[in-house]
Amino acid sequence: MLHENTSADCLDTVTTGTEDGAFQRKGHSTRILSPEEIERLAKDQVLVSEFKQLKLEEEAQKNWDLFYKRNSTNFFKDRHWTTREFEELKACREFADQKLTILEAGCGVGNCLFPLLEEDLNIFVYACDFSPRAVEYVKKNSLYSTERCKVFQCDLTKDDLLENIPADSVDVVTLIFVLSAIHPDKMHLVLKNIYKVLKPGKCVLFRDYGLYDHAMLRFKSGSKLGENFYVRQDGTRAYFFTEEFLSQLFKSEGYEQVVNEYVHRETVNRKEDLRVPRVFLQSKFQKPFSKT
């Protein structure tokens, strides 16, 4: 059921400017929709047929492989903001120069991996992706070194991470714009898989699309797969998370919630007088020291 959010923003942090010219605030309130946006989402209730949905699930890997074939390594920008947004990548060290082991679950072509390796010389990164083509792009990158990282192809919903990573060996897992591409019914399998390789007391750092993000409102009629779940023209899919859904998802797999909040960003294009409201969910979930 759609409703206009009228909750106070008293829990939100103060709006700040970012280096890319966007304004950003964090908090627990969802984005307030305009009456036109409410009407548009209310009208869009027809779901893609079950036959097509099954086909999209079966061809998910092929569609992502074709995505990387078309776009090569040029689609996503390098994520130099990762250590700024996730201070835990540095703060989780118990002493200076401590060697950290990181798992980047869903590494794409290395837009997060390689800036991390350049910025921090005391990390070893396991990196995996659904797309064999993306994995090959990572291996061909001049910065790729088997001494500092291990990349492998993996379907996180069914391929056991323990085949490539020792149990309880990872200090930090990054799950950035990955879970949204997976069918909601299978998301728990990803978290269960990651749980096995994460050290007790260590964390998963999460960032992904939030409810009412600009991208969600741009989908045309006929793109809806389910509640907050859509298919793009190229066959790749996108889920838009609520704070409550993500919290329940992680907790059901034994994680403890540390931080879970919306990031509201507004990019302003002064030349065209456009304001683009982006909404992400940024979170931190911890594997407890002992399972209760």
C-alpha atoms as a PDB file:
ATOM      1  CA  MET A   1       0.000   0.000   0.000  1.00  0.00           C
ATOM      2  CA  LEU A   2       1.434   3.387  -1.008  1.00  0.00           C
ATOM      3  CA  HIS A   3       1.348   6.261   1.388  1.00  0.00           C
ATOM      4  CA  GLU A   4       2.955   9.642   1.697  1.00  0.00           C
ATOM      5  CA  ASN A   5       5.554   9.567   4.449  1.00  0.00           C
ATOM      6  CA  THR A   6       4.861  12.337   6.929  1.00  0.00           C
ATOM      7  CA  SER A   7       7.259  11.186   9.658  1.00  0.00           C
ATOM      8  CA  ALA A   8       9.514  13.847  11.121  1.00  0.00           C
ATOM      9  CA  ASP A   9      13.135  13.906  10.051  1.00  0.00           C
ATOM     10  CA  CYS A  10      14.357  14.470  13.598  1.00  0.00           C
ATOM     11  CA  LEU A  11      16.388  11.262  13.414  1.00  0.00           C
ATOM     12  CA  ASP A  12      18.159  12.356  10.238  1.00  0.00           C
ATOM     13  CA  THR A  13      21.634  13.832  10.259  1.00  0.00           C
ATOM     14  CA  VAL A  14      22.271  17.331   8.935  1.00  0.00           C
ATOM     15  CA  THR A  15      22.498  17.701   5.171  1.00  0.00           C
ATOM     16  CA  THR A  16      26.081  17.926   3.945  1.00  0.00           C
ATOM     17  CA  GLY A  17      27.729  18.552   0.613  1.00  0.00           C
ATOM     18  CA  THR A  18      29.834  15.811  -0.971  1.00  0.00           C
ATOM     19  CA  GLU A  19      32.826  16.042  -3.261  1.00  0.00           C
ATOM     20  CA  ASP A  20      30.702  15.251  -6.340  1.00  0.00           C
ATOM     21  CA  GLY A  21      28.445  18.255  -5.749  1.00  0.00           C
ATOM     22  CA  ALA A  22      25.532  16.305  -4.287  1.00  0.00           C
ATOM     23  CA  PHE A  23      23.821  17.017  -0.983  1.00  0.00           C
ATOM     24  CA  GLN A  24      23.483  14.106   1.406  1.00  0.00           C
ATOM     25  CA  ARG A  25      21.753  13.260   4.652  1.00  0.00           C
ATOM     26  CA  LYS A  26      21.303  10.018   6.547  1.00  0.00           C
ATOM     27  CA  GLY A  27      18.418   8.859   8.681  1.00  0.00           C
ATOM     28  CA  HIS A  28      15.496   6.510   9.216  1.00  0.00           C
ATOM     29  CA  SER A  29      12.736   8.254   7.300  1.00  0.00           C
ATOM     30  CA  THR A  30      11.794   7.262   3.759  1.00  0.00           C
ATOM     31  CA  ARG A  31      11.695   9.806   0.972  1.00  0.00           C
ATOM     32  CA  ILE A  32       8.492  11.864   0.769  1.00  0.00           C
ATOM     33  CA  LEU A  33       6.806  11.372  -2.581  1.00  0.00           C
ATOM     34  CA  SER A  34       4.982  14.030  -4.571  1.00  0.00           C
ATOM     35  CA  PRO A  35       1.262  13.399  -5.286  1.00  0.00           C
ATOM     36  CA  GLU A  36       2.204  12.665  -8.922  1.00  0.00           C
ATOM     37  CA  GLU A  37       4.744  10.051  -7.859  1.00  0.00           C
ATOM     38  CA  ILE A  38       2.261   8.417  -5.493  1.00  0.00           C
ATOM     39  CA  GLU A  39      -0.308   8.220  -8.278  1.00  0.00           C
ATOM     40  CA  ARG A  40       2.203   6.805 -10.763  1.00  0.00           C
ATOM     41  CA  LEU A  41       3.321   4.016  -8.401  1.00  0.00           C
ATOM     42  CA  ALA A  42      -0.280   3.255  -7.384  1.00  0.00           C
ATOM     43  CA  LYS A  43      -1.270   2.745 -11.025  1.00  0.00           C
ATOM     44  CA  ASP A  44       1.683   0.450 -11.798  1.00  0.00           C
ATOM     45  CA  GLN A  45       0.377  -2.807 -10.319  1.00  0.00           C
ATOM     46  CA  VAL A  46       0.510  -5.191 -13.303  1.00  0.00           C
ATOM     47  CA  LEU A  47       3.270  -7.777 -12.838  1.00  0.00           C
ATOM     48  CA  VAL A  48       5.448  -9.374 -15.495  1.00  0.00           C
ATOM     49  CA  SER A  49       4.062 -12.834 -16.370  1.00  0.00           C
ATOM     50  CA  GLU A  50       5.211 -15.845 -14.354  1.00  0.00           C
ATOM     51  CA  PHE A  51       6.673 -17.408 -17.521  1.00  0.00           C
ATOM     52  CA  LYS A  52       8.848 -14.357 -18.197  1.00  0.00           C
ATOM     53  CA  GLN A  53       9.856 -14.124 -14.542  1.00  0.00           C
ATOM     54  CA  LEU A  54      11.092 -17.735 -14.601  1.00  0.00           C
ATOM     55  CA  LYS A  55      12.981 -17.024 -17.830  1.00  0.00           C
ATOM     56  CA  LEU A  56      14.645 -13.965 -16.253  1.00  0.00           C
ATOM     57  CA  GLU A  57      15.731 -16.086 -13.273  1.00  0.00           C
ATOM     58  CA  GLU A  58      17.139 -18.811 -15.533  1.00  0.00           C
ATOM     59  CA  GLU A  59      18.982 -16.289 -17.711  1.00  0.00           C
ATOM     60  CA  ALA A  60      20.210 -14.003 -14.929  1.00  0.00           C
ATOM     61  CA  GLN A  61      23.871 -14.910 -15.387  1.00  0.00           C
ATOM     62  CA  LYS A  62      23.644 -14.613 -19.189  1.00  0.00           C
ATOM     63  CA  ASN A  63      22.048 -11.162 -18.892  1.00  0.00           C
ATOM     64  CA  TRP A  64      24.811  -9.876 -16.609  1.00  0.00           C
ATOM     65  CA  ASP A  65      27.463 -11.388 -18.873  1.00  0.00           C
ATOM     66  CA  LEU A  66      25.902  -9.561 -21.853  1.00  0.00           C
ATOM     67  CA  PHE A  67      25.825  -6.374 -19.783  1.00  0.00           C
ATOM     68  CA  TYR A  68      29.604  -6.565 -19.290  1.00  0.00           C
ATOM     69  CA  LYS A  69      30.117  -7.538 -22.935  1.00  0.00           C
ATOM     70  CA  ARG A  70      28.307  -4.366 -24.036  1.00  0.00           C
ATOM     71  CA  ASN A  71      29.827  -2.029 -21.474  1.00  0.00           C
ATOM     72  CA  SER A  72      33.268  -3.552 -20.928  1.00  0.00           C
ATOM     73  CA  THR A  73      34.897  -1.812 -17.936  1.00  0.00           C
ATOM     74  CA  ASN A  74      33.458   1.599 -18.787  1.00  0.00           C
ATOM     75  CA  PHE A  75      29.990   1.598 -17.196  1.00  0.00           C
ATOM     76  CA  PHE A  76      30.682   2.117 -13.471  1.00  0.00           C
ATOM     77  CA  LYS A  77      33.022   4.732 -12.052  1.00  0.00           C
ATOM     78  CA  ASP A  78      35.765   3.663  -9.658  1.00  0.00           C
ATOM     79  CA  ARG A  79      34.422   3.847  -6.105  1.00  0.00           C
ATOM     80  CA  HIS A  80      36.912   6.068  -4.335  1.00  0.00           C
ATOM     81  CA  TRP A  81      34.184   6.907  -1.785  1.00  0.00           C
ATOM     82  CA  THR A  82      34.214   3.462  -0.168  1.00  0.00           C
ATOM     83  CA  THR A  83      36.621   4.188   2.676  1.00  0.00           C
ATOM     84  CA  ARG A  84      34.947   7.568   3.277  1.00  0.00           C
ATOM     85  CA  GLU A  85      31.481   6.074   3.639  1.00  0.00           C
ATOM     86  CA  PHE A  86      32.677   2.928   5.414  1.00  0.00           C
ATOM     87  CA  GLU A  87      35.212   3.999   8.024  1.00  0.00           C
ATOM     88  CA  GLU A  88      35.134   0.415   9.312  1.00  0.00           C
ATOM     89  CA  LEU A  89      37.452  -0.587   6.475  1.00  0.00           C
ATOM     90  CA  LYS A  90      40.138   1.188   8.490  1.00  0.00           C
ATOM     91  CA  ALA A  91      38.635   1.301  11.974  1.00  0.00           C
ATOM     92  CA  CYS A  92      38.231  -2.476  12.295  1.00  0.00           C
ATOM     93  CA  ARG A  93      41.999  -2.875  12.724  1.00  0.00           C
ATOM     94  CA  GLU A  94      43.116  -3.752  16.234  1.00  0.00           C
ATOM     95  CA  PHE A  95      46.557  -2.256  15.617  1.00  0.00           C
ATOM     96  CA  ALA A  96      48.239  -0.107  12.943  1.00  0.00           C
ATOM     97  CA  ASP A  97      49.408  -1.955   9.822  1.00  0.00           C
ATOM     98  CA  GLN A  98      47.330  -5.022  10.728  1.00  0.00           C
ATOM     99  CA  LYS A  99      46.786  -7.154   7.644  1.00  0.00           C
ATOM    100  CA  LEU A 100      43.086  -7.350   6.842  1.00  0.00           C
ATOM    101  CA  THR A 101      41.278  -9.985   4.815  1.00  0.00           C
ATOM    102  CA  ILE A 102      38.320  -8.651   2.852  1.00  0.00           C
ATOM    103  CA  LEU A 103      35.656 -10.338   0.744  1.00  0.00           C
ATOM    104  CA  GLU A 104      34.087  -8.241  -1.968  1.00  0.00           C
ATOM    105  CA  ALA A 105      30.915 -10.149  -2.768  1.00  0.00           C
ATOM    106  CA  GLY A 106      29.924  -9.104  -6.279  1.00  0.00           C
ATOM    107  CA  CYS A 107      33.064  -7.347  -7.479  1.00  0.00           C
ATOM    108  CA  GLY A 108      31.982  -6.513 -11.036  1.00  0.00           C
ATOM    109  CA  VAL A 109      35.025  -5.397 -13.028  1.00  0.00           C
ATOM    110  CA  GLY A 110      36.907  -4.148  -9.968  1.00  0.00           C
ATOM    111  CA  ASN A 111      35.626  -0.568  -9.524  1.00  0.00           C
ATOM    112  CA  CYS A 112      35.737  -0.983  -5.750  1.00  0.00           C
ATOM    113  CA  LEU A 113      38.490  -3.620  -5.566  1.00  0.00           C
ATOM    114  CA  PHE A 114      41.321  -1.744  -7.253  1.00  0.00           C
ATOM    115  CA  PRO A 115      40.880   1.628  -5.463  1.00  0.00           C
ATOM    116  CA  LEU A 116      40.949  -0.341  -2.182  1.00  0.00           C
ATOM    117  CA  LEU A 117      44.148  -2.186  -3.134  1.00  0.00           C
ATOM    118  CA  GLU A 118      45.803   1.101  -4.134  1.00  0.00           C
ATOM    119  CA  GLU A 119      44.722   2.912  -0.981  1.00  0.00           C
ATOM    120  CA  ASP A 120      45.601   0.211   1.556  1.00  0.00           C
ATOM    121  CA  LEU A 121      48.701  -1.928   1.124  1.00  0.00           C
ATOM    122  CA  ASN A 122      47.869  -4.119   4.134  1.00  0.00           C
ATOM    123  CA  ILE A 123      44.836  -5.917   2.775  1.00  0.00           C
ATOM    124  CA  PHE A 124      44.212  -9.189   0.971  1.00  0.00           C
ATOM    125  CA  VAL A 125      40.941  -9.288  -0.983  1.00  0.00           C
ATOM    126  CA  TYR A 126      38.843 -12.244  -2.035  1.00  0.00           C
ATOM    127  CA  ALA A 127      36.588 -11.033  -4.843  1.00  0.00           C
ATOM    128  CA  CYS A 128      33.845 -12.903  -6.668  1.00  0.00           C
ATOM    129  CA  ASP A 129      31.196 -12.165  -9.242  1.00  0.00           C
ATOM    130  CA  PHE A 130      28.239 -13.891 -10.888  1.00  0.00           C
ATOM    131  CA  SER A 131      29.531 -12.988 -14.371  1.00  0.00           C
ATOM    132  CA  PRO A 132      32.490 -14.983 -15.769  1.00  0.00           C
ATOM    133  CA  ARG A 133      33.193 -12.087 -18.134  1.00  0.00           C
ATOM    134  CA  ALA A 134      33.468  -9.604 -15.239  1.00  0.00           C
ATOM    135  CA  VAL A 135      35.920 -11.944 -13.481  1.00  0.00           C
ATOM    136  CA  GLU A 136      38.078 -12.083 -16.626  1.00  0.00           C
ATOM    137  CA  TYR A 137      38.142  -8.276 -16.796  1.00  0.00           C
ATOM    138  CA  VAL A 138      39.439  -8.190 -13.207  1.00  0.00           C
ATOM    139  CA  LYS A 139      42.178 -10.720 -13.986  1.00  0.00           C
ATOM    140  CA  LYS A 140      43.296  -8.707 -17.029  1.00  0.00           C
ATOM    141  CA  ASN A 141      43.599  -5.461 -15.040  1.00  0.00           C
ATOM    142  CA  SER A 142      47.230  -4.350 -14.676  1.00  0.00           C
ATOM    143  CA  LEU A 143      46.689  -3.879 -10.923  1.00  0.00           C
ATOM    144  CA  TYR A 144      45.595  -7.484 -10.405  1.00  0.00           C
ATOM    145  CA  SER A 145      48.079  -9.510  -8.388  1.00  0.00           C
ATOM    146  CA  THR A 146      47.529 -13.001  -6.990  1.00  0.00           C
ATOM    147  CA  GLU A 147      49.682 -11.985  -4.020  1.00  0.00           C
ATOM    148  CA  ARG A 148      47.125  -9.388  -2.982  1.00  0.00           C
ATOM    149  CA  CYS A 149      43.805 -10.754  -4.214  1.00  0.00           C
ATOM    150  CA  LYS A 150      42.017 -13.867  -5.393  1.00  0.00           C
ATOM    151  CA  VAL A 151      39.125 -13.458  -7.814  1.00  0.00           C
ATOM    152  CA  PHE A 152      36.720 -16.232  -8.780  1.00  0.00           C
ATOM    153  CA  GLN A 153      33.339 -16.743 -10.433  1.00  0.00           C
ATOM    154  CA  CYS A 154      30.545 -17.527  -7.981  1.00  0.00           C
ATOM    155  CA  ASP A 155      26.770 -17.654  -7.790  1.00  0.00           C
ATOM    156  CA  LEU A 156      26.382 -16.563  -4.172  1.00  0.00           C
ATOM    157  CA  THR A 157      22.938 -18.200  -3.947  1.00  0.00           C
ATOM    158  CA  LYS A 158      24.283 -21.722  -4.568  1.00  0.00           C
ATOM    159  CA  ASP A 159      28.109 -21.933  -4.903  1.00  0.00           C
ATOM    160  CA  ASP A 160      29.730 -22.591  -1.513  1.00  0.00           C
ATOM    161  CA  LEU A 161      32.222 -19.835  -0.653  1.00  0.00           C
ATOM    162  CA  LEU A 162      34.117 -22.362   1.474  1.00  0.00           C
ATOM    163  CA  GLU A 163      35.473 -23.855  -1.751  1.00  0.00           C
ATOM    164  CA  ASN A 164      37.581 -20.707  -2.171  1.00  0.00           C
ATOM    165  CA  ILE A 165      37.748 -19.088   1.277  1.00  0.00           C
ATOM    166  CA  PRO A 166      38.554 -20.705   4.663  1.00  0.00           C
ATOM    167  CA  ALA A 167      35.779 -20.670   7.278  1.00  0.00           C
ATOM    168  CA  ASP A 168      35.790 -17.783   9.781  1.00  0.00           C
ATOM    169  CA  SER A 169      38.714 -16.061   8.022  1.00  0.00           C
ATOM    170  CA  VAL A 170      37.351 -12.751   6.660  1.00  0.00           C
ATOM    171  CA  ASP A 171      37.577  -9.453   8.597  1.00  0.00           C
ATOM    172  CA  VAL A 172      35.178  -7.415   6.437  1.00  0.00           C
ATOM    173  CA  VAL A 173      32.644  -8.319   3.736  1.00  0.00           C
ATOM    174  CA  THR A 174      31.480  -5.621   1.319  1.00  0.00           C
ATOM    175  CA  LEU A 175      28.065  -6.160  -0.258  1.00  0.00           C
ATOM    176  CA  ILE A 176      27.655  -3.056  -2.412  1.00  0.00           C
ATOM    177  CA  PHE A 177      24.910  -2.837  -5.063  1.00  0.00           C
ATOM    178  CA  VAL A 178      24.791  -6.635  -5.325  1.00  0.00           C
ATOM    179  CA  LEU A 179      21.859  -7.981  -3.324  1.00  0.00           C
ATOM    180  CA  SER A 180      19.391  -5.818  -5.293  1.00  0.00           C
ATOM    181  CA  ALA A 181      20.150  -7.852  -8.448  1.00  0.00           C
ATOM    182  CA  ILE A 182      19.075 -11.109  -6.775  1.00  0.00           C
ATOM    183  CA  HIS A 183      15.523 -12.415  -6.443  1.00  0.00           C
ATOM    184  CA  PRO A 184      14.200 -11.505  -2.957  1.00  0.00           C
ATOM    185  CA  ASP A 185      13.377 -15.178  -2.273  1.00  0.00           C
ATOM    186  CA  LYS A 186      17.075 -16.064  -2.647  1.00  0.00           C
ATOM    187  CA  MET A 187      18.689 -13.168  -0.798  1.00  0.00           C
ATOM    188  CA  HIS A 188      18.871 -15.114   2.468  1.00  0.00           C
ATOM    189  CA  LEU A 189      21.018 -17.751   0.727  1.00  0.00           C
ATOM    190  CA  VAL A 190      23.656 -15.093  -0.003  1.00  0.00           C
ATOM    191  CA  LEU A 191      23.759 -13.987   3.643  1.00  0.00           C
ATOM    192  CA  LYS A 192      23.933 -17.596   4.838  1.00  0.00           C
ATOM    193  CA  ASN A 193      26.874 -18.237   2.475  1.00  0.00           C
ATOM    194  CA  ILE A 194      28.778 -15.127   3.613  1.00  0.00           C
ATOM    195  CA  TYR A 195      28.173 -15.934   7.280  1.00  0.00           C
ATOM    196  CA  LYS A 196      30.340 -19.073   7.000  1.00  0.00           C
ATOM    197  CA  VAL A 197      33.522 -17.229   5.968  1.00  0.00           C
ATOM    198  CA  LEU A 198      33.136 -14.128   8.180  1.00  0.00           C
ATOM    199  CA  LYS A 199      35.055 -14.096  11.467  1.00  0.00           C
ATOM    200  CA  PRO A 200      32.914 -13.894  14.638  1.00  0.00           C
ATOM    201  CA  GLY A 201      32.614 -10.281  15.743  1.00  0.00           C
ATOM    202  CA  LYS A 202      33.285  -8.950  12.228  1.00  0.00           C
ATOM    203  CA  CYS A 203      30.937  -7.144   9.853  1.00  0.00           C
ATOM    204  CA  VAL A 204      29.188  -7.032   6.512  1.00  0.00           C
ATOM    205  CA  LEU A 205      29.171  -3.512   5.034  1.00  0.00           C
ATOM    206  CA  PHE A 206      26.070  -3.018   2.887  1.00  0.00           C
ATOM    207  CA  ARG A 207      25.017  -0.320   0.440  1.00  0.00           C
ATOM    208  CA  ASP A 208      22.264  -0.647  -2.152  1.00  0.00           C
ATOM    209  CA  TYR A 209      19.151   0.941  -3.641  1.00  0.00           C
ATOM    210  CA  GLY A 210      16.615   2.329  -1.164  1.00  0.00           C
ATOM    211  CA  LEU A 211      12.839   2.613  -1.457  1.00  0.00           C
ATOM    212  CA  TYR A 212      11.658   5.442  -3.762  1.00  0.00           C
ATOM    213  CA  ASP A 213      15.080   6.006  -5.291  1.00  0.00           C
ATOM    214  CA  HIS A 214      14.949   7.984  -8.544  1.00  0.00           C
ATOM    215  CA  ALA A 215      15.725   4.810 -10.518  1.00  0.00           C
ATOM    216  CA  MET A 216      12.637   3.065  -9.068  1.00  0.00           C
ATOM    217  CA  LEU A 217      10.358   5.856 -10.248  1.00  0.00           C
ATOM    218  CA  ARG A 218      11.769   5.813 -13.775  1.00  0.00           C
ATOM    219  CA  PHE A 219      10.647   2.266 -14.596  1.00  0.00           C
ATOM    220  CA  LYS A 220       7.987   2.147 -17.267  1.00  0.00           C
ATOM    221  CA  SER A 221       4.748   0.200 -16.919  1.00  0.00           C
ATOM    222  CA  GLY A 222       5.307  -3.511 -17.538  1.00  0.00           C
ATOM    223  CA  SER A 223       8.630  -3.643 -15.670  1.00  0.00           C
ATOM    224  CA  LYS A 224       7.320  -4.702 -12.262  1.00  0.00           C
ATOM    225  CA  LEU A 225       8.242  -8.193 -10.997  1.00  0.00           C
ATOM    226  CA  GLY A 226       6.929  -7.854  -7.449  1.00  0.00           C
ATOM    227  CA  GLU A 227       6.840  -5.445  -4.523  1.00  0.00           C
ATOM    228  CA  ASN A 228       9.793  -3.028  -4.977  1.00  0.00           C
ATOM    229  CA  PHE A 229      11.283  -5.388  -7.592  1.00  0.00           C
ATOM    230  CA  TYR A 230      11.741  -4.435 -11.272  1.00  0.00           C
ATOM    231  CA  VAL A 231      13.391  -5.580 -14.499  1.00  0.00           C
ATOM    232  CA  ARG A 232      15.476  -3.295 -16.727  1.00  0.00           C
ATOM    233  CA  GLN A 233      15.313  -3.404 -20.524  1.00  0.00           C
ATOM    234  CA  ASP A 234      18.509  -5.484 -20.651  1.00  0.00           C
ATOM    235  CA  GLY A 235      17.014  -8.214 -18.430  1.00  0.00           C
ATOM    236  CA  THR A 236      18.980  -7.331 -15.283  1.00  0.00           C
ATOM    237  CA  ARG A 237      16.858  -6.790 -12.192  1.00  0.00           C
ATOM    238  CA  ALA A 238      16.759  -4.290  -9.341  1.00  0.00           C
ATOM    239  CA  TYR A 239      15.203  -4.497  -5.882  1.00  0.00           C
ATOM    240  CA  PHE A 240      14.668  -1.367  -3.768  1.00  0.00           C
ATOM    241  CA  PHE A 241      15.157  -1.998  -0.061  1.00  0.00           C
ATOM    242  CA  THR A 242      13.283  -0.750   2.965  1.00  0.00           C
ATOM    243  CA  GLU A 243      15.110  -0.456   6.257  1.00  0.00           C
ATOM    244  CA  GLU A 244      12.701  -2.957   7.842  1.00  0.00           C
ATOM    245  CA  PHE A 245      13.057  -5.595   5.105  1.00  0.00           C
ATOM    246  CA  LEU A 246      16.863  -5.532   5.217  1.00  0.00           C
ATOM    247  CA  SER A 247      16.968  -5.663   9.003  1.00  0.00           C
ATOM    248  CA  GLN A 248      14.684  -8.702   9.110  1.00  0.00           C
ATOM    249  CA  LEU A 249      16.652 -10.390   6.304  1.00  0.00           C
ATOM    250  CA  PHE A 250      20.004 -10.156   8.104  1.00  0.00           C
ATOM    251  CA  LYS A 251      18.639 -10.940  11.566  1.00  0.00           C
ATOM    252  CA  SER A 252      16.900 -14.078  10.282  1.00  0.00           C
ATOM    253  CA  GLU A 253      20.351 -15.414   9.285  1.00  0.00           C
ATOM    254  CA  GLY A 254      21.876 -14.750  12.710  1.00  0.00           C
ATOM    255  CA  TYR A 255      23.474 -11.335  12.183  1.00  0.00           C
ATOM    256  CA  GLU A 256      23.271  -8.475  14.682  1.00  0.00           C
ATOM    257  CA  GLN A 257      22.359  -5.004  13.433  1.00  0.00           C
ATOM    258  CA  VAL A 258      24.903  -2.252  14.095  1.00  0.00           C
ATOM    259  CA  VAL A 259      23.792   0.499  11.690  1.00  0.00           C
ATOM    260  CA  ASN A 260      20.926   0.527   9.182  1.00  0.00           C
ATOM    261  CA  GLU A 261      19.796   3.819   7.649  1.00  0.00           C
ATOM    262  CA  TYR A 262      18.773   5.574   4.464  1.00  0.00           C
ATOM    263  CA  VAL A 263      21.182   7.811   2.603  1.00  0.00           C
ATOM    264  CA  HIS A 264      19.313  10.620   0.824  1.00  0.00           C
ATOM    265  CA  ARG A 265      21.362  12.313  -1.886  1.00  0.00           C
ATOM    266  CA  GLU A 266      20.249  15.101  -4.164  1.00  0.00           C
ATOM    267  CA  THR A 267      22.319  15.801  -7.241  1.00  0.00           C
ATOM    268  CA  VAL A 268      21.628  19.213  -8.761  1.00  0.00           C
ATOM    269  CA  ASN A 269      22.163  19.918 -12.445  1.00  0.00           C
ATOM    270  CA  ARG A 270      22.059  23.717 -12.442  1.00  0.00           C
ATOM    271  CA  LYS A 271      22.438  23.956 -16.213  1.00  0.00           C
ATOM    272  CA  GLU A 272      19.213  22.025 -16.824  1.00  0.00           C
ATOM    273  CA  ASP A 273      17.627  22.925 -13.462  1.00  0.00           C
ATOM    274  CA  LEU A 274      17.225  19.241 -12.565  1.00  0.00           C
ATOM    275  CA  ARG A 275      17.216  17.747  -9.092  1.00  0.00           C
ATOM    276  CA  VAL A 276      17.766  14.012  -8.982  1.00  0.00           C
ATOM    277  CA  PRO A 277      16.755  12.427  -5.650  1.00  0.00           C
ATOM    278  CA  ARG A 278      18.786   9.284  -4.942  1.00  0.00           C
ATOM    279  CA  VAL A 279      17.982   6.993  -2.028  1.00  0.00           C
ATOM    280  CA  PHE A 280      20.310   4.254  -0.824  1.00  0.00           C
ATOM    281  CA  LEU A 281      20.351   2.016   2.206  1.00  0.00           C
ATOM    282  CA  GLN A 282      23.669   1.920   4.035  1.00  0.00           C
ATOM    283  CA  SER A 283      24.134  -0.616   6.781  1.00  0.00           C
ATOM    284  CA  LYS A 284      26.490  -2.621   8.941  1.00  0.00           C
ATOM    285  CA  PHE A 285      25.621  -6.068  10.285  1.00  0.00           C
ATOM    286  CA  GLN A 286      27.832  -8.110  12.599  1.00  0.00           C
ATOM    287  CA  LYS A 287      28.369 -11.830  12.994  1.00  0.00           C
ATOM    288  CA  PRO A 288      28.038 -12.440  16.763  1.00  0.00           C
ATOM    289  CA  PHE A 289      30.906 -13.942  18.741  1.00  0.00           C
ATOM    290  CA  SER A 290      28.731 -16.898  19.644  1.00  0.00           C
ATOM    291  CA  LYS A 291      25.537 -18.105  18.014  1.00  0.00           C
ATOM    292  CA  THR A 292      22.656 -18.070  20.481  1.00  0.00           C
END
